[in-house]
PDB file of N, CA and C in Angstrom:
ATOM      1  N   MET A   1       9.965 -55.556  28.572  1.00  0.00           N
ATOM      2  CA  MET A   1      10.102 -55.937  27.085  1.00  0.00           C
ATOM      3  C   MET A   1       8.755 -55.722  26.593  1.00  0.00           C
ATOM      4  N   LEU A   2       7.619 -55.893  27.091  1.00  0.00           N
ATOM      5  CA  LEU A   2       6.078 -55.552  26.797  1.00  0.00           C
ATOM      6  C   LEU A   2       6.117 -54.120  26.558  1.00  0.00           C
ATOM      7  N   ARG A   3       6.696 -53.320  27.353  1.00  0.00           N
ATOM      8  CA  ARG A   3       6.709 -51.813  27.224  1.00  0.00           C
ATOM      9  C   ARG A   3       7.282 -51.484  25.943  1.00  0.00           C
ATOM     10  N   TRP A   4       8.596 -51.967  25.831  1.00  0.00           N
ATOM     11  CA  TRP A   4       9.316 -51.601  24.559  1.00  0.00           C
ATOM     12  C   TRP A   4       8.872 -51.874  23.336  1.00  0.00           C
ATOM     13  N   ILE A   5       7.931 -53.232  23.434  1.00  0.00           N
ATOM     14  CA  ILE A   5       7.312 -53.435  22.116  1.00  0.00           C
ATOM     15  C   ILE A   5       6.245 -52.961  21.824  1.00  0.00           C
ATOM     16  N   LEU A   6       5.471 -52.098  22.993  1.00  0.00           N
ATOM     17  CA  LEU A   6       4.226 -51.721  22.575  1.00  0.00           C
ATOM     18  C   LEU A   6       4.597 -50.076  22.094  1.00  0.00           C
ATOM     19  N   SER A   7       5.635 -49.755  22.899  1.00  0.00           N
ATOM     20  CA  SER A   7       5.945 -48.321  22.405  1.00  0.00           C
ATOM     21  C   SER A   7       6.461 -48.029  21.494  1.00  0.00           C
ATOM     22  N   ALA A   8       7.563 -48.887  21.035  1.00  0.00           N
ATOM     23  CA  ALA A   8       8.351 -48.891  19.736  1.00  0.00           C
ATOM     24  C   ALA A   8       7.217 -49.267  18.529  1.00  0.00           C
ATOM     25  N   SER A   9       6.469 -50.141  18.619  1.00  0.00           N
ATOM     26  CA  SER A   9       5.268 -50.232  17.568  1.00  0.00           C
ATOM     27  C   SER A   9       4.514 -49.019  17.450  1.00  0.00           C
ATOM     28  N   ILE A  10       3.934 -48.401  18.382  1.00  0.00           N
ATOM     29  CA  ILE A  10       3.115 -47.188  18.407  1.00  0.00           C
ATOM     30  C   ILE A  10       3.651 -45.955  17.836  1.00  0.00           C
ATOM     31  N   SER A  11       5.027 -46.011  18.152  1.00  0.00           N
ATOM     32  CA  SER A  11       5.724 -44.632  17.866  1.00  0.00           C
ATOM     33  C   SER A  11       6.270 -44.915  16.660  1.00  0.00           C
ATOM     34  N   HIS A  12       6.578 -45.885  15.845  1.00  0.00           N
ATOM     35  CA  HIS A  12       7.101 -46.347  14.437  1.00  0.00           C
ATOM     36  C   HIS A  12       5.882 -45.967  13.508  1.00  0.00           C
ATOM     37  N   GLY A  13       4.782 -46.450  14.101  1.00  0.00           N
ATOM     38  CA  GLY A  13       3.625 -46.213  13.252  1.00  0.00           C
ATOM     39  C   GLY A  13       3.057 -44.673  13.083  1.00  0.00           C
ATOM     40  N   ILE A  14       3.284 -43.718  13.917  1.00  0.00           N
ATOM     41  CA  ILE A  14       2.830 -42.691  14.013  1.00  0.00           C
ATOM     42  C   ILE A  14       3.909 -41.535  13.644  1.00  0.00           C
ATOM     43  N   GLY A  15       5.201 -41.957  13.977  1.00  0.00           N
ATOM     44  CA  GLY A  15       6.335 -41.287  13.556  1.00  0.00           C
ATOM     45  C   GLY A  15       7.009 -40.072  14.714  1.00  0.00           C
ATOM     46  N   LYS A  16       6.429 -40.200  15.790  1.00  0.00           N
ATOM     47  CA  LYS A  16       6.784 -39.600  16.918  1.00  0.00           C
ATOM     48  C   LYS A  16       7.506 -40.451  17.971  1.00  0.00           C
ATOM     49  N   PHE A  17       8.583 -40.201  18.559  1.00  0.00           N
ATOM     50  CA  PHE A  17       9.119 -41.196  19.314  1.00  0.00           C
ATOM     51  C   PHE A  17       8.607 -41.079  20.931  1.00  0.00           C
ATOM     52  N   TRP A  18       7.854 -40.177  21.010  1.00  0.00           N
ATOM     53  CA  TRP A  18       7.026 -39.921  22.517  1.00  0.00           C
ATOM     54  C   TRP A  18       5.702 -40.531  22.831  1.00  0.00           C
ATOM     55  N   VAL A  19       5.192 -40.860  21.189  1.00  0.00           N
ATOM     56  CA  VAL A  19       3.649 -41.236  21.661  1.00  0.00           C
ATOM     57  C   VAL A  19       3.416 -42.427  22.093  1.00  0.00           C
ATOM     58  N   GLY A  20       4.394 -43.687  21.684  1.00  0.00           N
ATOM     59  CA  GLY A  20       4.513 -44.799  22.405  1.00  0.00           C
ATOM     60  C   GLY A  20       4.498 -44.784  23.923  1.00  0.00           C
ATOM     61  N   THR A  21       5.220 -43.893  24.485  1.00  0.00           N
ATOM     62  CA  THR A  21       5.570 -43.727  25.724  1.00  0.00           C
ATOM     63  C   THR A  21       4.328 -43.322  26.360  1.00  0.00           C
ATOM     64  N   VAL A  22       3.730 -42.239  26.015  1.00  0.00           N
ATOM     65  CA  VAL A  22       2.499 -41.812  26.571  1.00  0.00           C
ATOM     66  C   VAL A  22       1.249 -42.796  26.313  1.00  0.00           C
ATOM     67  N   PHE A  23       1.159 -43.535  25.318  1.00  0.00           N
ATOM     68  CA  PHE A  23       0.220 -44.640  25.172  1.00  0.00           C
ATOM     69  C   PHE A  23       0.365 -45.918  26.214  1.00  0.00           C
ATOM     70  N   VAL A  24       1.647 -46.237  26.331  1.00  0.00           N
ATOM     71  CA  VAL A  24       1.778 -47.392  27.272  1.00  0.00           C
ATOM     72  C   VAL A  24       1.683 -46.821  28.858  1.00  0.00           C
ATOM     73  N   ASN A  25       1.867 -45.565  29.056  1.00  0.00           N
ATOM     74  CA  ASN A  25       1.634 -45.004  30.504  1.00  0.00           C
ATOM     75  C   ASN A  25       0.058 -44.794  30.952  1.00  0.00           C
ATOM     76  N   ILE A  26      -0.626 -44.353  29.770  1.00  0.00           N
ATOM     77  CA  ILE A  26      -2.127 -44.251  29.728  1.00  0.00           C
ATOM     78  C   ILE A  26      -2.606 -45.631  29.954  1.00  0.00           C
ATOM     79  N   ILE A  27      -2.177 -46.584  29.347  1.00  0.00           N
ATOM     80  CA  ILE A  27      -2.880 -47.986  29.394  1.00  0.00           C
ATOM     81  C   ILE A  27      -2.466 -48.452  30.830  1.00  0.00           C
ATOM     82  N   GLY A  28      -1.265 -48.269  31.407  1.00  0.00           N
ATOM     83  CA  GLY A  28      -0.742 -48.899  32.447  1.00  0.00           C
ATOM     84  C   GLY A  28      -1.472 -48.095  33.787  1.00  0.00           C
ATOM     85  N   CYS A  29      -1.885 -46.751  33.554  1.00  0.00           N
ATOM     86  CA  CYS A  29      -2.804 -46.232  34.726  1.00  0.00           C
ATOM     87  C   CYS A  29      -3.875 -46.736  34.727  1.00  0.00           C
ATOM     88  N   PHE A  30      -4.523 -46.986  33.459  1.00  0.00           N
ATOM     89  CA  PHE A  30      -5.921 -47.621  33.519  1.00  0.00           C
ATOM     90  C   PHE A  30      -5.901 -48.889  34.289  1.00  0.00           C
ATOM     91  N   VAL A  31      -4.845 -49.768  33.971  1.00  0.00           N
ATOM     92  CA  VAL A  31      -4.769 -51.006  34.474  1.00  0.00           C
ATOM     93  C   VAL A  31      -4.520 -51.009  35.980  1.00  0.00           C
ATOM     94  N   LEU A  32      -3.563 -50.112  36.343  1.00  0.00           N
ATOM     95  CA  LEU A  32      -3.115 -50.091  37.847  1.00  0.00           C
ATOM     96  C   LEU A  32      -4.291 -49.710  38.615  1.00  0.00           C
ATOM     97  N   PHE A  33      -5.130 -48.504  38.268  1.00  0.00           N
ATOM     98  CA  PHE A  33      -6.499 -48.047  38.899  1.00  0.00           C
ATOM     99  C   PHE A  33      -7.686 -49.294  39.073  1.00  0.00           C
ATOM    100  N   ALA A  34      -7.753 -49.890  37.594  1.00  0.00           N
ATOM    101  CA  ALA A  34      -8.618 -51.232  37.714  1.00  0.00           C
ATOM    102  C   ALA A  34      -8.302 -52.066  38.534  1.00  0.00           C
ATOM    103  N   LEU A  35      -6.957 -52.492  38.779  1.00  0.00           N
ATOM    104  CA  LEU A  35      -6.684 -53.604  39.544  1.00  0.00           C
ATOM    105  C   LEU A  35      -6.825 -52.814  41.040  1.00  0.00           C
ATOM    106  N   ALA A  36      -6.523 -51.952  41.328  1.00  0.00           N
ATOM    107  CA  ALA A  36      -6.572 -51.232  42.693  1.00  0.00           C
ATOM    108  C   ALA A  36      -8.176 -51.571  43.358  1.00  0.00           C
ATOM    109  N   GLN A  37      -9.120 -51.367  42.209  1.00  0.00           N
ATOM    110  CA  GLN A  37     -10.431 -51.615  42.496  1.00  0.00           C
ATOM    111  C   GLN A  37     -10.785 -53.070  42.692  1.00  0.00           C
ATOM    112  N   TRP A  38     -10.308 -53.839  41.814  1.00  0.00           N
ATOM    113  CA  TRP A  38     -10.765 -55.224  41.567  1.00  0.00           C
ATOM    114  C   TRP A  38      -9.987 -56.221  42.739  1.00  0.00           C
ATOM    115  N   ILE A  39      -8.736 -55.992  42.864  1.00  0.00           N
ATOM    116  CA  ILE A  39      -8.011 -56.797  43.894  1.00  0.00           C
ATOM    117  C   ILE A  39      -7.834 -56.308  45.266  1.00  0.00           C
ATOM    118  N   GLN A  40      -8.863 -55.543  45.865  1.00  0.00           N
ATOM    119  CA  GLN A  40      -8.539 -55.030  47.230  1.00  0.00           C
ATOM    120  C   GLN A  40      -8.543 -55.917  48.327  1.00  0.00           C
ATOM    121  N   GLY A  41      -9.284 -57.213  48.078  1.00  0.00           N
ATOM    122  CA  GLY A  41      -9.265 -58.024  49.320  1.00  0.00           C
ATOM    123  C   GLY A  41      -8.156 -59.331  48.832  1.00  0.00           C
ATOM    124  N   GLU A  42      -7.510 -59.309  47.792  1.00  0.00           N
ATOM    125  CA  GLU A  42      -6.390 -60.146  47.376  1.00  0.00           C
ATOM    126  C   GLU A  42      -5.172 -60.030  48.563  1.00  0.00           C
ATOM    127  N   ASP A  43      -4.440 -61.381  48.368  1.00  0.00           N
ATOM    128  CA  ASP A  43      -3.239 -61.331  49.464  1.00  0.00           C
ATOM    129  C   ASP A  43      -2.424 -60.178  48.815  1.00  0.00           C
ATOM    130  N   LYS A  44      -1.667 -59.447  49.617  1.00  0.00           N
ATOM    131  CA  LYS A  44      -0.784 -58.220  49.621  1.00  0.00           C
ATOM    132  C   LYS A  44       0.453 -58.469  48.690  1.00  0.00           C
ATOM    133  N   VAL A  45       0.802 -59.890  48.430  1.00  0.00           N
ATOM    134  CA  VAL A  45       1.923 -60.182  47.740  1.00  0.00           C
ATOM    135  C   VAL A  45       1.435 -60.047  46.351  1.00  0.00           C
ATOM    136  N   LEU A  46       0.131 -60.813  46.258  1.00  0.00           N
ATOM    137  CA  LEU A  46      -0.435 -60.737  44.707  1.00  0.00           C
ATOM    138  C   LEU A  46      -0.517 -59.362  44.250  1.00  0.00           C
ATOM    139  N   GLN A  47      -1.018 -58.461  45.236  1.00  0.00           N
ATOM    140  CA  GLN A  47      -1.227 -57.045  44.760  1.00  0.00           C
ATOM    141  C   GLN A  47       0.150 -56.131  44.421  1.00  0.00           C
ATOM    142  N   TYR A  48       1.126 -56.605  45.148  1.00  0.00           N
ATOM    143  CA  TYR A  48       2.519 -55.976  45.077  1.00  0.00           C
ATOM    144  C   TYR A  48       2.914 -56.456  43.531  1.00  0.00           C
ATOM    145  N   PHE A  49       2.800 -57.709  43.286  1.00  0.00           N
ATOM    146  CA  PHE A  49       3.339 -58.299  42.191  1.00  0.00           C
ATOM    147  C   PHE A  49       2.819 -57.517  40.853  1.00  0.00           C
ATOM    148  N   TRP A  50       1.482 -57.310  40.950  1.00  0.00           N
ATOM    149  CA  TRP A  50       0.519 -56.817  39.753  1.00  0.00           C
ATOM    150  C   TRP A  50       0.895 -55.157  39.738  1.00  0.00           C
ATOM    151  N   LYS A  51       0.994 -54.465  40.980  1.00  0.00           N
ATOM    152  CA  LYS A  51       1.030 -52.992  40.751  1.00  0.00           C
ATOM    153  C   LYS A  51       2.308 -52.612  40.619  1.00  0.00           C
ATOM    154  N   ILE A  52       3.223 -53.260  41.460  1.00  0.00           N
ATOM    155  CA  ILE A  52       4.830 -52.458  41.445  1.00  0.00           C
ATOM    156  C   ILE A  52       5.507 -53.567  40.438  1.00  0.00           C
ATOM    157  N   GLY A  53       5.197 -54.804  40.468  1.00  0.00           N
ATOM    158  CA  GLY A  53       6.174 -55.632  39.587  1.00  0.00           C
ATOM    159  C   GLY A  53       5.816 -55.260  38.138  1.00  0.00           C
ATOM    160  N   PHE A  54       4.643 -55.822  37.778  1.00  0.00           N
ATOM    161  CA  PHE A  54       4.270 -55.856  36.239  1.00  0.00           C
ATOM    162  C   PHE A  54       4.012 -54.567  35.770  1.00  0.00           C
ATOM    163  N   LEU A  55       3.243 -53.699  36.290  1.00  0.00           N
ATOM    164  CA  LEU A  55       2.851 -52.485  36.116  1.00  0.00           C
ATOM    165  C   LEU A  55       3.956 -51.343  36.262  1.00  0.00           C
ATOM    166  N   GLY A  56       4.756 -51.481  37.188  1.00  0.00           N
ATOM    167  CA  GLY A  56       6.071 -50.566  37.510  1.00  0.00           C
ATOM    168  C   GLY A  56       6.945 -50.823  36.318  1.00  0.00           C
ATOM    169  N   SER A  57       6.916 -52.060  35.735  1.00  0.00           N
ATOM    170  CA  SER A  57       8.066 -52.228  34.722  1.00  0.00           C
ATOM    171  C   SER A  57       7.118 -51.895  33.384  1.00  0.00           C
ATOM    172  N   LEU A  58       5.906 -52.028  33.256  1.00  0.00           N
ATOM    173  CA  LEU A  58       5.258 -51.410  31.942  1.00  0.00           C
ATOM    174  C   LEU A  58       5.335 -49.946  31.805  1.00  0.00           C
ATOM    175  N   THR A  59       4.887 -49.305  32.785  1.00  0.00           N
ATOM    176  CA  THR A  59       4.912 -47.802  32.757  1.00  0.00           C
ATOM    177  C   THR A  59       6.350 -47.359  33.174  1.00  0.00           C
ATOM    178  N   THR A  60       6.996 -46.266  32.668  1.00  0.00           N
ATOM    179  CA  THR A  60       8.165 -45.845  33.378  1.00  0.00           C
ATOM    180  C   THR A  60       8.343 -44.334  33.182  1.00  0.00           C
ATOM    181  N   PHE A  61       8.736 -44.060  34.391  1.00  0.00           N
ATOM    182  CA  PHE A  61       8.725 -42.410  34.686  1.00  0.00           C
ATOM    183  C   PHE A  61      10.019 -41.947  34.125  1.00  0.00           C
ATOM    184  N   SER A  62      11.072 -42.804  33.948  1.00  0.00           N
ATOM    185  CA  SER A  62      12.216 -42.383  33.523  1.00  0.00           C
ATOM    186  C   SER A  62      12.337 -42.283  31.903  1.00  0.00           C
ATOM    187  N   THR A  63      11.538 -43.152  31.229  1.00  0.00           N
ATOM    188  CA  THR A  63      11.482 -42.898  29.745  1.00  0.00           C
ATOM    189  C   THR A  63      10.578 -41.482  29.448  1.00  0.00           C
ATOM    190  N   PHE A  64       9.731 -41.549  30.019  1.00  0.00           N
ATOM    191  CA  PHE A  64       9.002 -40.184  30.083  1.00  0.00           C
ATOM    192  C   PHE A  64       9.688 -38.907  30.257  1.00  0.00           C
ATOM    193  N   SER A  65      10.412 -38.830  31.475  1.00  0.00           N
ATOM    194  CA  SER A  65      11.159 -38.043  31.528  1.00  0.00           C
ATOM    195  C   SER A  65      12.487 -37.474  30.651  1.00  0.00           C
ATOM    196  N   TYR A  66      13.098 -38.670  30.201  1.00  0.00           N
ATOM    197  CA  TYR A  66      14.089 -38.629  29.226  1.00  0.00           C
ATOM    198  C   TYR A  66      13.704 -37.943  27.748  1.00  0.00           C
ATOM    199  N   GLU A  67      12.394 -38.519  27.333  1.00  0.00           N
ATOM    200  CA  GLU A  67      11.778 -37.975  26.200  1.00  0.00           C
ATOM    201  C   GLU A  67      11.395 -36.279  26.514  1.00  0.00           C
ATOM    202  N   VAL A  68      10.879 -36.092  27.562  1.00  0.00           N
ATOM    203  CA  VAL A  68      10.566 -34.567  27.707  1.00  0.00           C
ATOM    204  C   VAL A  68      12.179 -33.817  27.532  1.00  0.00           C
ATOM    205  N   VAL A  69      13.109 -34.182  28.253  1.00  0.00           N
ATOM    206  CA  VAL A  69      14.419 -33.495  28.316  1.00  0.00           C
ATOM    207  C   VAL A  69      14.938 -33.450  26.772  1.00  0.00           C
ATOM    208  N   MET A  70      14.688 -34.688  26.109  1.00  0.00           N
ATOM    209  CA  MET A  70      15.321 -34.610  24.628  1.00  0.00           C
ATOM    210  C   MET A  70      14.458 -33.477  24.067  1.00  0.00           C
ATOM    211  N   LEU A  71      13.353 -33.488  24.151  1.00  0.00           N
ATOM    212  CA  LEU A  71      12.409 -32.508  23.199  1.00  0.00           C
ATOM    213  C   LEU A  71      12.927 -31.136  23.753  1.00  0.00           C
ATOM    214  N   ILE A  72      13.105 -30.955  24.805  1.00  0.00           N
ATOM    215  CA  ILE A  72      13.569 -29.426  25.058  1.00  0.00           C
ATOM    216  C   ILE A  72      14.797 -29.251  24.698  1.00  0.00           C
ATOM    217  N   LYS A  73      15.749 -30.276  24.704  1.00  0.00           N
ATOM    218  CA  LYS A  73      17.289 -30.006  24.033  1.00  0.00           C
ATOM    219  C   LYS A  73      17.102 -29.891  22.672  1.00  0.00           C
ATOM    220  N   LEU A  74      16.013 -30.383  21.850  1.00  0.00           N
ATOM    221  CA  LEU A  74      15.728 -30.125  20.562  1.00  0.00           C
ATOM    222  C   LEU A  74      15.041 -28.870  20.217  1.00  0.00           C
ATOM    223  N   GLY A  75      14.621 -28.056  21.244  1.00  0.00           N
ATOM    224  CA  GLY A  75      13.809 -26.926  20.969  1.00  0.00           C
ATOM    225  C   GLY A  75      12.521 -27.087  20.729  1.00  0.00           C
ATOM    226  N   ARG A  76      12.183 -28.219  20.806  1.00  0.00           N
ATOM    227  CA  ARG A  76      10.764 -28.500  20.821  1.00  0.00           C
ATOM    228  C   ARG A  76       9.846 -28.434  22.168  1.00  0.00           C
ATOM    229  N   TYR A  77       9.846 -27.236  22.370  1.00  0.00           N
ATOM    230  CA  TYR A  77       9.261 -26.827  23.718  1.00  0.00           C
ATOM    231  C   TYR A  77       7.777 -27.250  23.950  1.00  0.00           C
ATOM    232  N   PHE A  78       7.031 -26.959  22.674  1.00  0.00           N
ATOM    233  CA  PHE A  78       5.525 -27.376  22.757  1.00  0.00           C
ATOM    234  C   PHE A  78       5.415 -28.586  23.114  1.00  0.00           C
ATOM    235  N   GLU A  79       6.045 -29.480  22.285  1.00  0.00           N
ATOM    236  CA  GLU A  79       5.931 -30.907  22.221  1.00  0.00           C
ATOM    237  C   GLU A  79       6.477 -31.452  23.559  1.00  0.00           C
ATOM    238  N   ALA A  80       7.406 -30.790  24.270  1.00  0.00           N
ATOM    239  CA  ALA A  80       7.912 -31.338  25.504  1.00  0.00           C
ATOM    240  C   ALA A  80       6.920 -31.121  26.575  1.00  0.00           C
ATOM    241  N   PHE A  81       6.262 -29.852  26.581  1.00  0.00           N
ATOM    242  CA  PHE A  81       5.008 -29.517  27.349  1.00  0.00           C
ATOM    243  C   PHE A  81       3.958 -30.677  27.214  1.00  0.00           C
ATOM    244  N   LEU A  82       3.452 -30.822  25.980  1.00  0.00           N
ATOM    245  CA  LEU A  82       2.357 -31.646  25.433  1.00  0.00           C
ATOM    246  C   LEU A  82       2.435 -32.985  26.271  1.00  0.00           C
ATOM    247  N   VAL A  83       3.944 -33.776  25.907  1.00  0.00           N
ATOM    248  CA  VAL A  83       4.285 -34.846  26.705  1.00  0.00           C
ATOM    249  C   VAL A  83       4.062 -34.886  28.090  1.00  0.00           C
ATOM    250  N   GLY A  84       4.478 -34.120  28.760  1.00  0.00           N
ATOM    251  CA  GLY A  84       4.236 -33.940  30.082  1.00  0.00           C
ATOM    252  C   GLY A  84       3.096 -33.942  30.669  1.00  0.00           C
ATOM    253  N   PHE A  85       2.158 -33.096  30.060  1.00  0.00           N
ATOM    254  CA  PHE A  85       0.779 -32.818  30.122  1.00  0.00           C
ATOM    255  C   PHE A  85       0.071 -33.967  29.912  1.00  0.00           C
ATOM    256  N   LEU A  86       0.264 -34.605  28.987  1.00  0.00           N
ATOM    257  CA  LEU A  86      -0.604 -35.975  28.409  1.00  0.00           C
ATOM    258  C   LEU A  86      -0.659 -37.012  29.482  1.00  0.00           C
ATOM    259  N   ASN A  87       0.718 -37.308  29.820  1.00  0.00           N
ATOM    260  CA  ASN A  87       1.163 -38.045  30.652  1.00  0.00           C
ATOM    261  C   ASN A  87       0.670 -38.122  32.209  1.00  0.00           C
ATOM    262  N   ILE A  88       0.612 -36.944  32.612  1.00  0.00           N
ATOM    263  CA  ILE A  88       0.249 -36.542  33.972  1.00  0.00           C
ATOM    264  C   ILE A  88      -1.371 -36.517  34.038  1.00  0.00           C
ATOM    265  N   PHE A  89      -2.007 -35.449  33.006  1.00  0.00           N
ATOM    266  CA  PHE A  89      -3.221 -35.383  32.901  1.00  0.00           C
ATOM    267  C   PHE A  89      -4.007 -36.674  32.868  1.00  0.00           C
ATOM    268  N   PHE A  90      -3.619 -37.406  31.815  1.00  0.00           N
ATOM    269  CA  PHE A  90      -4.693 -38.464  31.689  1.00  0.00           C
ATOM    270  C   PHE A  90      -4.364 -39.632  32.671  1.00  0.00           C
ATOM    271  N   GLY A  91      -3.142 -39.701  33.308  1.00  0.00           N
ATOM    272  CA  GLY A  91      -3.070 -40.576  34.517  1.00  0.00           C
ATOM    273  C   GLY A  91      -4.218 -40.094  35.554  1.00  0.00           C
ATOM    274  N   ILE A  92      -4.066 -39.022  35.727  1.00  0.00           N
ATOM    275  CA  ILE A  92      -4.888 -38.467  37.042  1.00  0.00           C
ATOM    276  C   ILE A  92      -6.423 -38.640  36.549  1.00  0.00           C
ATOM    277  N   ILE A  93      -6.722 -38.168  35.346  1.00  0.00           N
ATOM    278  CA  ILE A  93      -8.107 -38.447  35.178  1.00  0.00           C
ATOM    279  C   ILE A  93      -8.588 -39.791  35.139  1.00  0.00           C
ATOM    280  N   ILE A  94      -7.801 -40.800  34.716  1.00  0.00           N
ATOM    281  CA  ILE A  94      -8.160 -42.168  34.652  1.00  0.00           C
ATOM    282  C   ILE A  94      -8.410 -42.717  36.044  1.00  0.00           C
ATOM    283  N   GLY A  95      -7.628 -42.258  36.856  1.00  0.00           N
ATOM    284  CA  GLY A  95      -7.577 -42.496  38.240  1.00  0.00           C
ATOM    285  C   GLY A  95      -9.078 -42.070  39.148  1.00  0.00           C
ATOM    286  N   ILE A  96      -9.259 -40.923  38.723  1.00  0.00           N
ATOM    287  CA  ILE A  96     -10.487 -40.249  39.174  1.00  0.00           C
ATOM    288  C   ILE A  96     -11.713 -40.941  38.401  1.00  0.00           C
ATOM    289  N   TRP A  97     -11.652 -41.108  37.225  1.00  0.00           N
ATOM    290  CA  TRP A  97     -12.937 -41.819  36.609  1.00  0.00           C
ATOM    291  C   TRP A  97     -12.967 -43.127  37.420  1.00  0.00           C
ATOM    292  N   ILE A  98     -11.969 -44.129  37.196  1.00  0.00           N
ATOM    293  CA  ILE A  98     -12.073 -45.226  37.975  1.00  0.00           C
ATOM    294  C   ILE A  98     -12.558 -45.294  39.334  1.00  0.00           C
ATOM    295  N   LEU A  99     -11.662 -44.748  40.015  1.00  0.00           N
ATOM    296  CA  LEU A  99     -11.917 -44.653  41.589  1.00  0.00           C
ATOM    297  C   LEU A  99     -13.270 -43.790  42.396  1.00  0.00           C
ATOM    298  N   ARG A 100     -13.951 -43.407  41.317  1.00  0.00           N
ATOM    299  CA  ARG A 100     -15.083 -42.390  41.857  1.00  0.00           C
ATOM    300  C   ARG A 100     -16.002 -43.212  42.441  1.00  0.00           C
TER     301      ARG A 100
END
């Protein structure tokens, strides 16, 4: 529910349906890598709850994939590439930055 609210609010404000998903995925990557650093010594169940349960439902590969496919079907190839690039690139950069 949180993902949908954030994504829909941001996408509506900007006018591009994929912007909210990119934003939510970037925020999710930041939180995931930050948690990986901060809760290393915590109980494994608690780690799984936050990393897989909460963040797994906040970020979503299926929505990102669907939006890329929809952009391709609409003939908006540059936007499709941009969406894929932004999701993957910033996720990796955030991970490198936090875990360095």
